[in-house]
All heavy atoms as atom14 arrays in JSON, in Angstrom:
{
  "sequence": "FWGEKHPEQRAAELYNYCKQHIAKNGREPDRMSLYRIFYYDA",
  "atom14_mask": [
    [1, 1, 1, 1, 1, 1, 1, 1, 1, 1, 1, 0, 0, 0],
    [1, 1, 1, 1, 1, 1, 1, 1, 1, 1, 1, 1, 1, 1],
    [1, 1, 1, 1, 0, 0, 0, 0, 0, 0, 0, 0, 0, 0],
    [1, 1, 1, 1, 1, 1, 1, 1, 1, 0, 0, 0, 0, 0],
    [1, 1, 1, 1, 1, 1, 1, 1, 1, 0, 0, 0, 0, 0],
    [1, 1, 1, 1, 1, 1, 1, 1, 1, 1, 0, 0, 0, 0],
    [1, 1, 1, 1, 1, 1, 1, 0, 0, 0, 0, 0, 0, 0],
    [1, 1, 1, 1, 1, 1, 1, 1, 1, 0, 0, 0, 0, 0],
    [1, 1, 1, 1, 1, 1, 1, 1, 1, 0, 0, 0, 0, 0],
    [1, 1, 1, 1, 1, 1, 1, 1, 1, 1, 1, 0, 0, 0],
    [1, 1, 1, 1, 1, 0, 0, 0, 0, 0, 0, 0, 0, 0],
    [1, 1, 1, 1, 1, 0, 0, 0, 0, 0, 0, 0, 0, 0],
    [1, 1, 1, 1, 1, 1, 1, 1, 1, 0, 0, 0, 0, 0],
    [1, 1, 1, 1, 1, 1, 1, 1, 0, 0, 0, 0, 0, 0],
    [1, 1, 1, 1, 1, 1, 1, 1, 1, 1, 1, 1, 0, 0],
    [1, 1, 1, 1, 1, 1, 1, 1, 0, 0, 0, 0, 0, 0],
    [1, 1, 1, 1, 1, 1, 1, 1, 1, 1, 1, 1, 0, 0],
    [1, 1, 1, 1, 1, 1, 0, 0, 0, 0, 0, 0, 0, 0],
    [1, 1, 1, 1, 1, 1, 1, 1, 1, 0, 0, 0, 0, 0],
    [1, 1, 1, 1, 1, 1, 1, 1, 1, 0, 0, 0, 0, 0],
    [1, 1, 1, 1, 1, 1, 1, 1, 1, 1, 0, 0, 0, 0],
    [1, 1, 1, 1, 1, 1, 1, 1, 0, 0, 0, 0, 0, 0],
    [1, 1, 1, 1, 1, 0, 0, 0, 0, 0, 0, 0, 0, 0],
    [1, 1, 1, 1, 1, 1, 1, 1, 1, 0, 0, 0, 0, 0],
    [1, 1, 1, 1, 1, 1, 1, 1, 0, 0, 0, 0, 0, 0],
    [1, 1, 1, 1, 0, 0, 0, 0, 0, 0, 0, 0, 0, 0],
    [1, 1, 1, 1, 1, 1, 1, 1, 1, 1, 1, 0, 0, 0],
    [1, 1, 1, 1, 1, 1, 1, 1, 1, 0, 0, 0, 0, 0],
    [1, 1, 1, 1, 1, 1, 1, 0, 0, 0, 0, 0, 0, 0],
    [1, 1, 1, 1, 1, 1, 1, 1, 0, 0, 0, 0, 0, 0],
    [1, 1, 1, 1, 1, 1, 1, 1, 1, 1, 1, 0, 0, 0],
    [1, 1, 1, 1, 1, 1, 1, 1, 0, 0, 0, 0, 0, 0],
    [1, 1, 1, 1, 1, 1, 0, 0, 0, 0, 0, 0, 0, 0],
    [1, 1, 1, 1, 1, 1, 1, 1, 0, 0, 0, 0, 0, 0],
    [1, 1, 1, 1, 1, 1, 1, 1, 1, 1, 1, 1, 0, 0],
    [1, 1, 1, 1, 1, 1, 1, 1, 1, 1, 1, 0, 0, 0],
    [1, 1, 1, 1, 1, 1, 1, 1, 0, 0, 0, 0, 0, 0],
    [1, 1, 1, 1, 1, 1, 1, 1, 1, 1, 1, 0, 0, 0],
    [1, 1, 1, 1, 1, 1, 1, 1, 1, 1, 1, 1, 0, 0],
    [1, 1, 1, 1, 1, 1, 1, 1, 1, 1, 1, 1, 0, 0],
    [1, 1, 1, 1, 1, 1, 1, 1, 0, 0, 0, 0, 0, 0],
    [1, 1, 1, 1, 1, 0, 0, 0, 0, 0, 0, 0, 0, 0]
  ],
  "atom14_positions": [
    [[2.9, 10.56, 15.23], [2.09, 11.53, 14.48], [0.91, 12.09, 15.28], [0.6, 13.28, 15.18], [1.55, 10.89, 13.2], [2.59, 10.64, 12.15], [2.87, 9.35, 11.74], [3.29, 11.69, 11.58], [3.84, 9.11, 10.76], [4.25, 11.47, 10.61], [4.53, 10.18, 10.2], [0.0, 0.0, 0.0], [0.0, 0.0, 0.0], [0.0, 0.0, 0.0]],
    [[0.24, 11.23, 16.05], [-1.04, 11.64, 16.64], [-1.09, 11.55, 18.16], [-2.13, 11.81, 18.75], [-2.15, 10.79, 16.02], [-2.18, 10.92, 14.53], [-2.41, 12.05, 13.81], [-1.92, 9.88, 13.57], [-2.33, 11.79, 12.47], [-2.04, 10.48, 12.28], [-1.64, 8.52, 13.66], [-1.84, 9.74, 11.11], [-1.44, 7.8, 12.49], [-1.55, 8.41, 11.24]],
    [[0.04, 11.19, 18.78], [0.1, 11.18, 20.23], [-0.6, 9.98, 20.85], [-1.05, 9.06, 20.18], [0.0, 0.0, 0.0], [0.0, 0.0, 0.0], [0.0, 0.0, 0.0], [0.0, 0.0, 0.0], [0.0, 0.0, 0.0], [0.0, 0.0, 0.0], [0.0, 0.0, 0.0], [0.0, 0.0, 0.0], [0.0, 0.0, 0.0], [0.0, 0.0, 0.0]],
    [[-0.67, 10.0, 22.19], [-1.3, 8.93, 22.94], [-2.81, 8.98, 22.8], [-3.4, 10.06, 22.78], [-0.92, 9.04, 24.42], [-0.15, 7.86, 24.93], [0.35, 8.08, 26.35], [-0.45, 8.54, 27.19], [1.53, 7.82, 26.61], [0.0, 0.0, 0.0], [0.0, 0.0, 0.0], [0.0, 0.0, 0.0], [0.0, 0.0, 0.0], [0.0, 0.0, 0.0]],
    [[-3.42, 7.81, 22.73], [-4.89, 7.73, 22.64], [-5.39, 6.55, 23.45], [-4.64, 5.61, 23.73], [-5.33, 7.57, 21.17], [-5.11, 8.79, 20.3], [-5.72, 8.61, 18.92], [-5.54, 9.86, 18.06], [-6.16, 9.71, 16.73], [0.0, 0.0, 0.0], [0.0, 0.0, 0.0], [0.0, 0.0, 0.0], [0.0, 0.0, 0.0], [0.0, 0.0, 0.0]],
    [[-6.68, 6.61, 23.82], [-7.3, 5.47, 24.48], [-7.41, 4.32, 23.48], [-7.41, 4.53, 22.26], [-8.68, 5.85, 25.01], [-8.64, 6.85, 26.12], [-8.07, 6.57, 27.34], [-9.1, 8.12, 26.2], [-8.18, 7.62, 28.12], [-8.79, 8.58, 27.46], [0.0, 0.0, 0.0], [0.0, 0.0, 0.0], [0.0, 0.0, 0.0], [0.0, 0.0, 0.0]],
    [[-7.5, 3.09, 23.97], [-7.55, 1.93, 23.06], [-8.63, 2.03, 21.99], [-8.38, 1.73, 20.81], [-7.82, 0.76, 24.01], [-7.22, 1.2, 25.31], [-7.46, 2.67, 25.38], [0.0, 0.0, 0.0], [0.0, 0.0, 0.0], [0.0, 0.0, 0.0], [0.0, 0.0, 0.0], [0.0, 0.0, 0.0], [0.0, 0.0, 0.0], [0.0, 0.0, 0.0]],
    [[-9.84, 2.45, 22.37], [-10.91, 2.52, 21.37], [-10.64, 3.61, 20.33], [-10.99, 3.45, 19.16], [-12.26, 2.76, 22.05], [-12.4, 4.04, 22.82], [-11.92, 3.95, 24.26], [-11.2, 2.98, 24.58], [-12.29, 4.83, 25.06], [0.0, 0.0, 0.0], [0.0, 0.0, 0.0], [0.0, 0.0, 0.0], [0.0, 0.0, 0.0], [0.0, 0.0, 0.0]],
    [[-9.98, 4.69, 20.75], [-9.65, 5.76, 19.8], [-8.56, 5.3, 18.84], [-8.62, 5.59, 17.64], [-9.19, 7.01, 20.56], [-10.26, 7.66, 21.39], [-9.71, 8.78, 22.25], [-8.61, 8.69, 22.79], [-10.47, 9.85, 22.38], [0.0, 0.0, 0.0], [0.0, 0.0, 0.0], [0.0, 0.0, 0.0], [0.0, 0.0, 0.0], [0.0, 0.0, 0.0]],
    [[-7.55, 4.6, 19.36], [-6.47, 4.1, 18.49], [-7.0, 3.07, 17.51], [-6.58, 3.02, 16.35], [-5.35, 3.53, 19.35], [-4.14, 3.04, 18.56], [-2.94, 3.93, 18.78], [-3.02, 5.23, 18.16], [-2.31, 6.29, 18.58], [-1.49, 6.19, 19.6], [-2.42, 7.44, 17.96], [0.0, 0.0, 0.0], [0.0, 0.0, 0.0], [0.0, 0.0, 0.0]],
    [[-7.92, 2.21, 17.96], [-8.48, 1.2, 17.06], [-9.29, 1.84, 15.95], [-9.19, 1.45, 14.78], [-9.36, 0.23, 17.87], [0.0, 0.0, 0.0], [0.0, 0.0, 0.0], [0.0, 0.0, 0.0], [0.0, 0.0, 0.0], [0.0, 0.0, 0.0], [0.0, 0.0, 0.0], [0.0, 0.0, 0.0], [0.0, 0.0, 0.0], [0.0, 0.0, 0.0]],
    [[-10.11, 2.86, 16.3], [-10.89, 3.56, 15.28], [-9.99, 4.3, 14.31], [-10.23, 4.32, 13.1], [-11.86, 4.53, 15.94], [0.0, 0.0, 0.0], [0.0, 0.0, 0.0], [0.0, 0.0, 0.0], [0.0, 0.0, 0.0], [0.0, 0.0, 0.0], [0.0, 0.0, 0.0], [0.0, 0.0, 0.0], [0.0, 0.0, 0.0], [0.0, 0.0, 0.0]],
    [[-8.91, 4.88, 14.84], [-7.93, 5.58, 14.0], [-7.3, 4.62, 13.0], [-7.17, 4.94, 11.81], [-6.85, 6.19, 14.9], [-5.62, 6.69, 14.18], [-4.44, 6.7, 15.13], [-4.32, 7.66, 15.92], [-3.63, 5.73, 15.08], [0.0, 0.0, 0.0], [0.0, 0.0, 0.0], [0.0, 0.0, 0.0], [0.0, 0.0, 0.0], [0.0, 0.0, 0.0]],
    [[-6.92, 3.44, 13.47], [-6.3, 2.45, 12.59], [-7.27, 2.01, 11.5], [-6.89, 1.89, 10.33], [-5.85, 1.24, 13.42], [-5.31, 0.04, 12.63], [-4.14, 0.43, 11.75], [-4.89, -1.07, 13.59], [0.0, 0.0, 0.0], [0.0, 0.0, 0.0], [0.0, 0.0, 0.0], [0.0, 0.0, 0.0], [0.0, 0.0, 0.0], [0.0, 0.0, 0.0]],
    [[-8.52, 1.76, 11.86], [-9.51, 1.34, 10.87], [-9.7, 2.42, 9.8], [-9.74, 2.13, 8.61], [-10.83, 1.04, 11.56], [-11.9, 0.53, 10.61], [-11.76, -0.68, 9.95], [-13.06, 1.28, 10.38], [-12.73, -1.15, 9.07], [-14.03, 0.82, 9.51], [-13.86, -0.39, 8.86], [-14.82, -0.85, 7.99], [0.0, 0.0, 0.0], [0.0, 0.0, 0.0]],
    [[-9.78, 3.66, 10.23], [-9.95, 4.76, 9.28], [-8.71, 4.94, 8.4], [-8.81, 5.26, 7.22], [-10.25, 6.07, 10.02], [-11.65, 6.08, 10.61], [-12.56, 5.48, 10.08], [-11.82, 6.76, 11.74], [0.0, 0.0, 0.0], [0.0, 0.0, 0.0], [0.0, 0.0, 0.0], [0.0, 0.0, 0.0], [0.0, 0.0, 0.0], [0.0, 0.0, 0.0]],
    [[-7.54, 4.7, 9.0], [-6.29, 4.79, 8.22], [-6.3, 3.74, 7.1], [-5.93, 4.03, 5.96], [-5.1, 4.56, 9.14], [-3.76, 4.78, 8.47], [-3.17, 6.05, 8.44], [-3.08, 3.73, 7.86], [-1.94, 6.26, 7.82], [-1.86, 3.94, 7.24], [-1.3, 5.2, 7.22], [-0.08, 5.41, 6.59], [0.0, 0.0, 0.0], [0.0, 0.0, 0.0]],
    [[-6.75, 2.53, 7.42], [-6.81, 1.48, 6.41], [-7.86, 1.78, 5.35], [-7.65, 1.52, 4.16], [-7.12, 0.14, 7.07], [-5.78, -0.49, 8.11], [0.0, 0.0, 0.0], [0.0, 0.0, 0.0], [0.0, 0.0, 0.0], [0.0, 0.0, 0.0], [0.0, 0.0, 0.0], [0.0, 0.0, 0.0], [0.0, 0.0, 0.0], [0.0, 0.0, 0.0]],
    [[-8.99, 2.34, 5.77], [-10.05, 2.67, 4.81], [-9.57, 3.68, 3.77], [-10.0, 3.64, 2.62], [-11.26, 3.24, 5.55], [-12.15, 2.16, 6.13], [-13.41, 2.64, 6.82], [-13.87, 4.01, 6.49], [-15.13, 4.37, 7.2], [0.0, 0.0, 0.0], [0.0, 0.0, 0.0], [0.0, 0.0, 0.0], [0.0, 0.0, 0.0], [0.0, 0.0, 0.0]],
    [[-8.65, 4.55, 4.15], [-8.12, 5.52, 3.2], [-7.36, 4.83, 2.07], [-7.29, 5.34, 0.96], [-7.21, 6.52, 3.91], [-7.93, 7.46, 4.86], [-6.96, 8.41, 5.54], [-6.25, 9.18, 4.89], [-6.92, 8.34, 6.86], [0.0, 0.0, 0.0], [0.0, 0.0, 0.0], [0.0, 0.0, 0.0], [0.0, 0.0, 0.0], [0.0, 0.0, 0.0]],
    [[-6.78, 3.68, 2.36], [-6.08, 2.93, 1.33], [-7.05, 2.32, 0.31], [-6.67, 2.04, -0.83], [-5.24, 1.8, 1.96], [-3.87, 2.22, 2.36], [-2.94, 2.69, 1.46], [-3.25, 2.24, 3.58], [-1.82, 2.97, 2.09], [-1.98, 2.72, 3.37], [0.0, 0.0, 0.0], [0.0, 0.0, 0.0], [0.0, 0.0, 0.0], [0.0, 0.0, 0.0]],
    [[-8.27, 2.09, 0.74], [-9.26, 1.46, -0.12], [-10.1, 2.49, -0.87], [-10.67, 2.21, -1.92], [-10.18, 0.54, 0.7], [-9.35, -0.53, 1.42], [-11.23, -0.14, -0.16], [-8.54, -1.4, 0.47], [0.0, 0.0, 0.0], [0.0, 0.0, 0.0], [0.0, 0.0, 0.0], [0.0, 0.0, 0.0], [0.0, 0.0, 0.0], [0.0, 0.0, 0.0]],
    [[-10.17, 3.71, -0.33], [-10.96, 4.76, -0.96], [-10.49, 4.98, -2.39], [-9.3, 4.85, -2.71], [-10.86, 6.05, -0.16], [0.0, 0.0, 0.0], [0.0, 0.0, 0.0], [0.0, 0.0, 0.0], [0.0, 0.0, 0.0], [0.0, 0.0, 0.0], [0.0, 0.0, 0.0], [0.0, 0.0, 0.0], [0.0, 0.0, 0.0], [0.0, 0.0, 0.0]],
    [[-11.4, 5.35, -3.26], [-11.06, 5.54, -4.67], [-9.98, 6.61, -4.81], [-10.08, 7.7, -4.26], [-12.31, 5.95, -5.45], [-12.07, 6.02, -6.95], [-13.36, 6.3, -7.69], [-13.12, 6.36, -9.19], [-14.36, 6.63, -9.94], [0.0, 0.0, 0.0], [0.0, 0.0, 0.0], [0.0, 0.0, 0.0], [0.0, 0.0, 0.0], [0.0, 0.0, 0.0]],
    [[-8.95, 6.27, -5.54], [-7.83, 7.17, -5.78], [-7.95, 7.75, -7.18], [-7.96, 7.02, -8.16], [-6.5, 6.4, -5.62], [-5.29, 7.33, -5.63], [-5.27, 8.32, -6.36], [-4.31, 7.02, -4.81], [0.0, 0.0, 0.0], [0.0, 0.0, 0.0], [0.0, 0.0, 0.0], [0.0, 0.0, 0.0], [0.0, 0.0, 0.0], [0.0, 0.0, 0.0]],
    [[-8.06, 9.06, -7.28], [-8.27, 9.7, -8.57], [-7.16, 9.48, -9.57], [-7.35, 9.65, -10.76], [0.0, 0.0, 0.0], [0.0, 0.0, 0.0], [0.0, 0.0, 0.0], [0.0, 0.0, 0.0], [0.0, 0.0, 0.0], [0.0, 0.0, 0.0], [0.0, 0.0, 0.0], [0.0, 0.0, 0.0], [0.0, 0.0, 0.0], [0.0, 0.0, 0.0]],
    [[-6.0, 9.07, -9.08], [-4.88, 8.85, -10.0], [-4.89, 7.45, -10.6], [-4.06, 7.12, -11.43], [-3.56, 9.09, -9.27], [-3.34, 10.54, -8.86], [-2.11, 10.7, -8.0], [-2.25, 9.95, -6.75], [-1.28, 9.85, -5.84], [-0.12, 10.41, -6.05], [-1.48, 9.17, -4.72], [0.0, 0.0, 0.0], [0.0, 0.0, 0.0], [0.0, 0.0, 0.0]],
    [[-5.8, 6.6, -10.13], [-5.83, 5.23, -10.62], [-7.19, 4.93, -11.25], [-8.22, 5.33, -10.72], [-5.58, 4.23, -9.49], [-4.15, 4.26, -8.97], [-3.9, 3.14, -7.98], [-4.89, 2.53, -7.52], [-2.74, 2.87, -7.68], [0.0, 0.0, 0.0], [0.0, 0.0, 0.0], [0.0, 0.0, 0.0], [0.0, 0.0, 0.0], [0.0, 0.0, 0.0]],
    [[-7.21, 4.22, -12.36], [-8.48, 3.89, -13.0], [-9.23, 2.76, -12.3], [-10.42, 2.57, -12.5], [-8.05, 3.45, -14.4], [-6.67, 2.9, -14.2], [-6.05, 3.76, -13.14], [0.0, 0.0, 0.0], [0.0, 0.0, 0.0], [0.0, 0.0, 0.0], [0.0, 0.0, 0.0], [0.0, 0.0, 0.0], [0.0, 0.0, 0.0], [0.0, 0.0, 0.0]],
    [[-8.52, 1.97, -11.45], [-9.16, 0.83, -10.83], [-9.87, 1.21, -9.54], [-9.67, 2.27, -8.99], [-8.11, -0.26, -10.53], [-6.99, 0.24, -9.63], [-7.27, 0.5, -8.46], [-5.86, 0.38, -10.13], [0.0, 0.0, 0.0], [0.0, 0.0, 0.0], [0.0, 0.0, 0.0], [0.0, 0.0, 0.0], [0.0, 0.0, 0.0], [0.0, 0.0, 0.0]],
    [[-10.72, 0.3, -9.1], [-11.39, 0.45, -7.82], [-11.03, -0.75, -6.96], [-11.01, -1.88, -7.45], [-12.9, 0.57, -8.01], [-13.33, 1.81, -8.76], [-14.83, 1.83, -8.93], [-15.51, 1.81, -7.64], [-16.81, 1.53, -7.48], [-17.54, 1.21, -8.52], [-17.35, 1.55, -6.27], [0.0, 0.0, 0.0], [0.0, 0.0, 0.0], [0.0, 0.0, 0.0]],
    [[-10.81, -0.51, -5.67], [-10.39, -1.59, -4.79], [-11.52, -2.01, -3.87], [-12.32, -1.18, -3.43], [-9.18, -1.16, -3.96], [-7.9, -1.02, -4.76], [-6.48, -0.67, -3.71], [-6.76, 1.06, -3.33], [0.0, 0.0, 0.0], [0.0, 0.0, 0.0], [0.0, 0.0, 0.0], [0.0, 0.0, 0.0], [0.0, 0.0, 0.0], [0.0, 0.0, 0.0]],
    [[-11.58, -3.28, -3.58], [-12.49, -3.79, -2.56], [-11.65, -4.43, -1.47], [-10.64, -5.08, -1.74], [-13.46, -4.83, -3.16], [-12.75, -5.95, -3.64], [0.0, 0.0, 0.0], [0.0, 0.0, 0.0], [0.0, 0.0, 0.0], [0.0, 0.0, 0.0], [0.0, 0.0, 0.0], [0.0, 0.0, 0.0], [0.0, 0.0, 0.0], [0.0, 0.0, 0.0]],
    [[-12.06, -4.24, -0.22], [-11.29, -4.75, 0.91], [-11.59, -6.23, 1.13], [-12.74, -6.61, 1.36], [-11.63, -3.95, 2.17], [-10.93, -4.42, 3.46], [-9.42, -4.31, 3.32], [-11.44, -3.61, 4.66], [0.0, 0.0, 0.0], [0.0, 0.0, 0.0], [0.0, 0.0, 0.0], [0.0, 0.0, 0.0], [0.0, 0.0, 0.0], [0.0, 0.0, 0.0]],
    [[-10.56, -7.04, 1.06], [-10.7, -8.47, 1.38], [-10.69, -8.65, 2.89], [-11.62, -9.2, 3.48], [-9.57, -9.26, 0.72], [-9.5, -10.71, 1.18], [-10.49, -11.62, 0.84], [-8.43, -11.14, 1.97], [-10.43, -12.94, 1.28], [-8.37, -12.45, 2.4], [-9.36, -13.35, 2.07], [-9.3, -14.64, 2.5], [0.0, 0.0, 0.0], [0.0, 0.0, 0.0]],
    [[-9.63, -8.18, 3.53], [-9.53, -8.3, 4.98], [-8.34, -7.47, 5.46], [-7.4, -7.21, 4.71], [-9.35, -9.76, 5.4], [-9.52, -10.02, 6.91], [-9.78, -11.49, 7.17], [-11.09, -11.88, 6.64], [-11.33, -13.02, 6.02], [-10.35, -13.88, 5.81], [-12.53, -13.31, 5.59], [0.0, 0.0, 0.0], [0.0, 0.0, 0.0], [0.0, 0.0, 0.0]],
    [[-8.4, -7.04, 6.74], [-7.29, -6.35, 7.38], [-6.67, -7.32, 8.37], [-7.34, -7.8, 9.29], [-7.74, -5.07, 8.1], [-8.39, -4.09, 7.12], [-6.56, -4.41, 8.81], [-9.06, -2.9, 7.79], [0.0, 0.0, 0.0], [0.0, 0.0, 0.0], [0.0, 0.0, 0.0], [0.0, 0.0, 0.0], [0.0, 0.0, 0.0], [0.0, 0.0, 0.0]],
    [[-5.4, -7.63, 8.19], [-4.68, -8.53, 9.09], [-3.78, -7.69, 10.01], [-2.93, -6.94, 9.53], [-3.81, -9.51, 8.29], [-4.58, -10.42, 7.38], [-4.93, -10.03, 6.1], [-4.94, -11.7, 7.8], [-5.63, -10.88, 5.25], [-5.65, -12.55, 6.96], [-5.99, -12.14, 5.68], [0.0, 0.0, 0.0], [0.0, 0.0, 0.0], [0.0, 0.0, 0.0]],
    [[-3.97, -7.85, 11.3], [-3.18, -7.09, 12.27], [-2.31, -8.06, 13.07], [-2.81, -9.0, 13.68], [-4.09, -6.3, 13.22], [-3.33, -5.47, 14.22], [-2.94, -4.16, 13.93], [-2.98, -6.0, 15.46], [-2.22, -3.41, 14.85], [-2.28, -5.25, 16.39], [-1.9, -3.96, 16.08], [-1.19, -3.22, 16.99], [0.0, 0.0, 0.0], [0.0, 0.0, 0.0]],
    [[-0.99, -7.81, 13.07], [-0.03, -8.71, 13.71], [0.66, -8.01, 14.89], [1.19, -6.9, 14.74], [1.04, -9.15, 12.71], [0.47, -9.77, 11.46], [0.09, -8.96, 10.38], [0.29, -11.14, 11.36], [-0.45, -9.52, 9.23], [-0.25, -11.71, 10.21], [-0.61, -10.89, 9.15], [-1.15, -11.44, 8.02], [0.0, 0.0, 0.0], [0.0, 0.0, 0.0]],
    [[0.64, -8.66, 16.02], [1.29, -8.09, 17.2], [1.59, -9.23, 18.17], [1.39, -10.4, 17.84], [0.38, -7.03, 17.85], [1.18, -5.85, 18.42], [2.31, -6.08, 18.89], [0.66, -4.73, 18.4], [0.0, 0.0, 0.0], [0.0, 0.0, 0.0], [0.0, 0.0, 0.0], [0.0, 0.0, 0.0], [0.0, 0.0, 0.0], [0.0, 0.0, 0.0]],
    [[2.06, -8.87, 19.36], [2.38, -9.89, 20.36], [1.53, -9.67, 21.61], [1.23, -8.53, 21.98], [3.86, -9.83, 20.72], [0.0, 0.0, 0.0], [0.0, 0.0, 0.0], [0.0, 0.0, 0.0], [0.0, 0.0, 0.0], [0.0, 0.0, 0.0], [0.0, 0.0, 0.0], [0.0, 0.0, 0.0], [0.0, 0.0, 0.0], [0.0, 0.0, 0.0]]
  ]
}
């Protein structure tokens, strides 16, 4: 989707991508709080 990026740019992109999942969604009455982001790799 977004092409090659430097490590710090990709990390910031991933964090912002996750934050969008926590942002208030107008279609849902609930509000979410972030417990933790678990990242799995090798």
